[in-house]
């Protein structure tokens, strides 16, 4: 992995988040969890490059984000789509060792966790978080995504470092 500037990524934020099958990973070398992430954004706020992710309270990764200061967003080539969806997108880290099952190789860098298979990794520090509340929805169709009441919390992460994997 080599460090790059976020502006050197040749894909748009929409391509990364929607098309490149991303993972959000939080925790440390002793204990961490990853899950697929498809709701989010990249941009600038408060004079910092930032990542915005939305995690439901019921997800195991939520606990790690609430307790830790760092997380990574990692994005993958198409060839990893199967493992990402089948394991990281459908199983809970409470019940299974996703890393062992996927065969992915954890990489511990800058106090955070990513995987050697990632094309891009963004190391982020939680700068803010905010509960998403139904009262804030102007478009009533959004309420249907929360029929069970399992709301998201938005985490704003300052992007500290960005890595690209040429392998």
Protein backbone atom coordinates (compact mmCIF):
# COMPACT_ATOMS: atom_id res chain seq x y z
CA UNK A 1 0.00 0.00 0.00
CA UNK A 2 1.25 3.43 -0.83
CA UNK A 3 -0.06 6.66 0.64
CA UNK A 4 -1.80 8.97 -1.83
CA UNK A 5 -3.82 12.16 -1.72
CA UNK A 6 -7.59 11.59 -1.75
CA UNK A 7 -7.77 13.83 -4.81
CA UNK A 8 -5.63 11.33 -6.72
CA UNK A 9 -8.32 8.62 -6.64
CA UNK A 10 -9.59 8.41 -10.19
CA UNK A 11 -13.12 7.33 -9.23
CA UNK A 12 -15.90 9.57 -8.03
CA UNK A 13 -17.23 9.21 -4.49
CA UNK A 14 -20.42 7.73 -5.94
CA UNK A 15 -18.45 5.09 -7.85
CA UNK A 16 -16.44 4.17 -4.76
CA UNK A 17 -19.41 3.89 -2.41
CA UNK A 18 -22.00 2.44 -4.82
CA UNK A 19 -19.94 0.40 -7.26
CA UNK A 20 -16.72 -0.72 -5.57
CA UNK A 21 -18.17 -2.70 -2.69
CA UNK A 22 -16.79 -0.99 0.33
CA UNK A 23 -16.23 -2.09 3.89
CA UNK A 24 -16.26 -0.02 7.03
CA UNK A 25 -13.97 -1.51 9.66
CA UNK A 26 -13.68 -0.36 13.26
CA UNK A 27 -11.78 -1.67 16.24
CA UNK A 28 -8.15 -2.52 16.86
CA UNK A 29 -5.69 -5.40 16.50
CA UNK A 30 -7.24 -7.29 19.40
CA UNK A 31 -10.87 -7.01 18.25
CA UNK A 32 -12.47 -5.47 15.18
CA UNK A 33 -15.41 -5.90 12.85
CA UNK A 34 -16.16 -5.08 9.23
CA UNK A 35 -19.40 -4.70 7.33
CA UNK A 36 -20.33 -3.62 3.84
CA UNK A 37 -21.12 0.04 3.45
CA UNK A 38 -23.29 1.38 0.67
CA UNK A 39 -24.82 4.46 2.24
CA UNK A 40 -22.36 7.28 2.61
CA UNK A 41 -20.60 10.20 1.04
CA UNK A 42 -17.19 11.79 0.74
CA UNK A 43 -16.63 15.52 0.81
CA UNK A 44 -15.46 18.43 2.89
CA UNK A 45 -16.81 19.86 6.13
CA UNK A 46 -15.30 21.96 8.92
CA UNK A 47 -12.10 22.50 6.90
CA UNK A 48 -11.41 18.76 6.67
CA UNK A 49 -11.74 16.07 4.03
CA UNK A 50 -14.49 13.88 5.38
CA UNK A 51 -16.33 10.59 5.01
CA UNK A 52 -19.98 10.31 6.02
CA UNK A 53 -21.23 6.83 6.89
CA UNK A 54 -24.60 5.63 8.13
CA UNK A 55 -24.73 2.62 10.45
CA UNK A 56 -27.81 1.02 12.00
CA UNK A 57 -27.79 0.60 15.77
CA UNK A 58 -28.35 -3.16 15.39
CA UNK A 59 -25.11 -3.73 13.50
CA UNK A 60 -22.15 -5.15 15.41
CA UNK A 61 -19.82 -2.57 13.84
CA UNK A 62 -21.91 0.18 15.44
CA UNK A 63 -20.55 -0.82 18.87
CA UNK A 64 -16.98 -0.41 17.65
CA UNK A 65 -17.69 3.00 16.12
CA UNK A 66 -19.30 4.20 19.34
CA UNK A 67 -16.26 3.11 21.38
CA UNK A 68 -13.39 3.99 19.10
CA UNK A 69 -11.88 6.97 17.47
CA UNK A 70 -10.73 5.42 14.18
CA UNK A 71 -12.31 3.49 11.34
CA UNK A 72 -11.41 2.65 7.78
CA UNK A 73 -13.35 2.67 4.57
CA UNK A 74 -11.87 0.21 2.11
CA UNK A 75 -12.91 -0.35 -1.49
CA UNK A 76 -12.40 -3.44 -3.65
CA UNK A 77 -12.16 -4.64 -7.22
CA UNK A 78 -15.05 -6.57 -8.76
CA UNK A 79 -13.38 -9.94 -8.13
CA UNK A 80 -14.09 -9.60 -4.38
CA UNK A 81 -17.79 -8.87 -4.81
CA UNK A 82 -18.84 -12.44 -3.90
CA UNK A 83 -17.02 -12.57 -0.56
CA UNK A 84 -18.03 -9.04 0.31
CA UNK A 85 -21.73 -9.68 -0.25
CA UNK A 86 -21.91 -13.29 0.95
CA UNK A 87 -19.90 -12.76 4.15
CA UNK A 88 -19.44 -9.11 5.09
CA UNK A 89 -22.86 -8.02 3.83
CA UNK A 90 -24.99 -10.80 5.27
CA UNK A 91 -23.33 -12.24 8.39
CA UNK A 92 -22.77 -10.74 11.80
CA UNK A 93 -19.36 -10.59 13.40
CA UNK A 94 -21.12 -11.49 16.65
CA UNK A 95 -21.71 -14.97 15.23
CA UNK A 96 -18.86 -15.64 12.81
CA UNK A 97 -15.23 -14.75 12.15
CA UNK A 98 -15.71 -12.93 8.86
CA UNK A 99 -11.98 -12.51 8.30
CA UNK A 100 -11.29 -16.23 8.57
CA UNK A 101 -14.30 -17.12 6.45
CA UNK A 102 -13.44 -14.64 3.69
CA UNK A 103 -9.71 -15.37 3.64
CA UNK A 104 -9.00 -11.64 3.67
CA UNK A 105 -5.71 -10.50 5.19
CA UNK A 106 -6.00 -7.89 7.96
CA UNK A 107 -3.54 -5.00 7.82
CA UNK A 108 -3.03 -2.86 10.89
CA UNK A 109 -1.95 0.66 9.99
CA UNK A 110 -2.10 4.03 11.70
CA UNK A 111 -4.01 2.50 14.63
CA UNK A 112 -6.77 1.21 12.34
CA UNK A 113 -7.65 -2.00 10.50
CA UNK A 114 -8.00 -2.61 6.77
CA UNK A 115 -7.33 -5.52 4.42
CA UNK A 116 -4.48 -6.27 2.02
CA UNK A 117 -7.04 -7.00 -0.72
CA UNK A 118 -8.39 -3.40 -0.71
CA UNK A 119 -7.76 -1.22 -3.75
CA UNK A 120 -8.22 1.94 -1.67
CA UNK A 121 -8.28 2.50 2.09
CA UNK A 122 -9.31 5.69 3.85
CA UNK A 123 -8.21 5.96 7.47
CA UNK A 124 -10.69 8.14 9.33
CA UNK A 125 -11.10 9.62 12.79
CA UNK A 126 -14.64 9.99 14.11
CA UNK A 127 -15.13 13.76 14.30
CA UNK A 128 -18.89 13.83 14.94
CA UNK A 129 -21.96 11.63 15.05
CA UNK A 130 -25.65 12.36 14.79
CA UNK A 131 -28.76 10.25 15.19
CA UNK A 132 -30.99 10.08 12.13
CA UNK A 133 -34.58 10.79 13.17
CA UNK A 134 -37.75 10.20 11.18
CA UNK A 135 -38.97 13.67 12.12
CA UNK A 136 -36.28 15.06 9.83
CA UNK A 137 -37.50 13.26 6.69
CA UNK A 138 -39.07 15.65 4.21
CA UNK A 139 -39.60 12.89 1.64
CA UNK A 140 -42.16 10.52 3.25
CA UNK A 141 -40.96 7.54 1.18
CA UNK A 142 -37.81 7.39 3.33
CA UNK A 143 -39.91 6.24 6.30
CA UNK A 144 -40.43 2.90 4.54
CA UNK A 145 -36.75 2.10 4.97
CA UNK A 146 -37.24 2.22 8.73
CA UNK A 147 -40.46 0.24 9.11
CA UNK A 148 -38.86 -1.80 11.89
CA UNK A 149 -37.56 1.28 13.68
CA UNK A 150 -33.87 0.32 13.33
CA UNK A 151 -32.56 3.80 12.59
CA UNK A 152 -29.14 4.82 11.37
CA UNK A 153 -26.61 7.00 13.05
CA UNK A 154 -24.41 9.17 10.87
CA UNK A 155 -20.71 9.19 11.66
CA UNK A 156 -18.55 11.96 10.19
CA UNK A 157 -14.94 10.88 9.87
CA UNK A 158 -12.01 13.14 9.18
CA UNK A 159 -9.97 11.46 6.45
CA UNK A 160 -6.46 11.26 7.91
CA UNK A 161 -4.72 9.11 5.29
CA UNK A 162 -5.53 7.41 2.01
CA UNK A 163 -3.78 4.32 0.67
CA UNK A 164 -3.81 2.71 -2.76
CA UNK A 165 -2.90 -0.88 -3.41
CA UNK A 166 -1.34 -1.48 -6.84
CA UNK A 167 -1.29 -5.26 -6.43
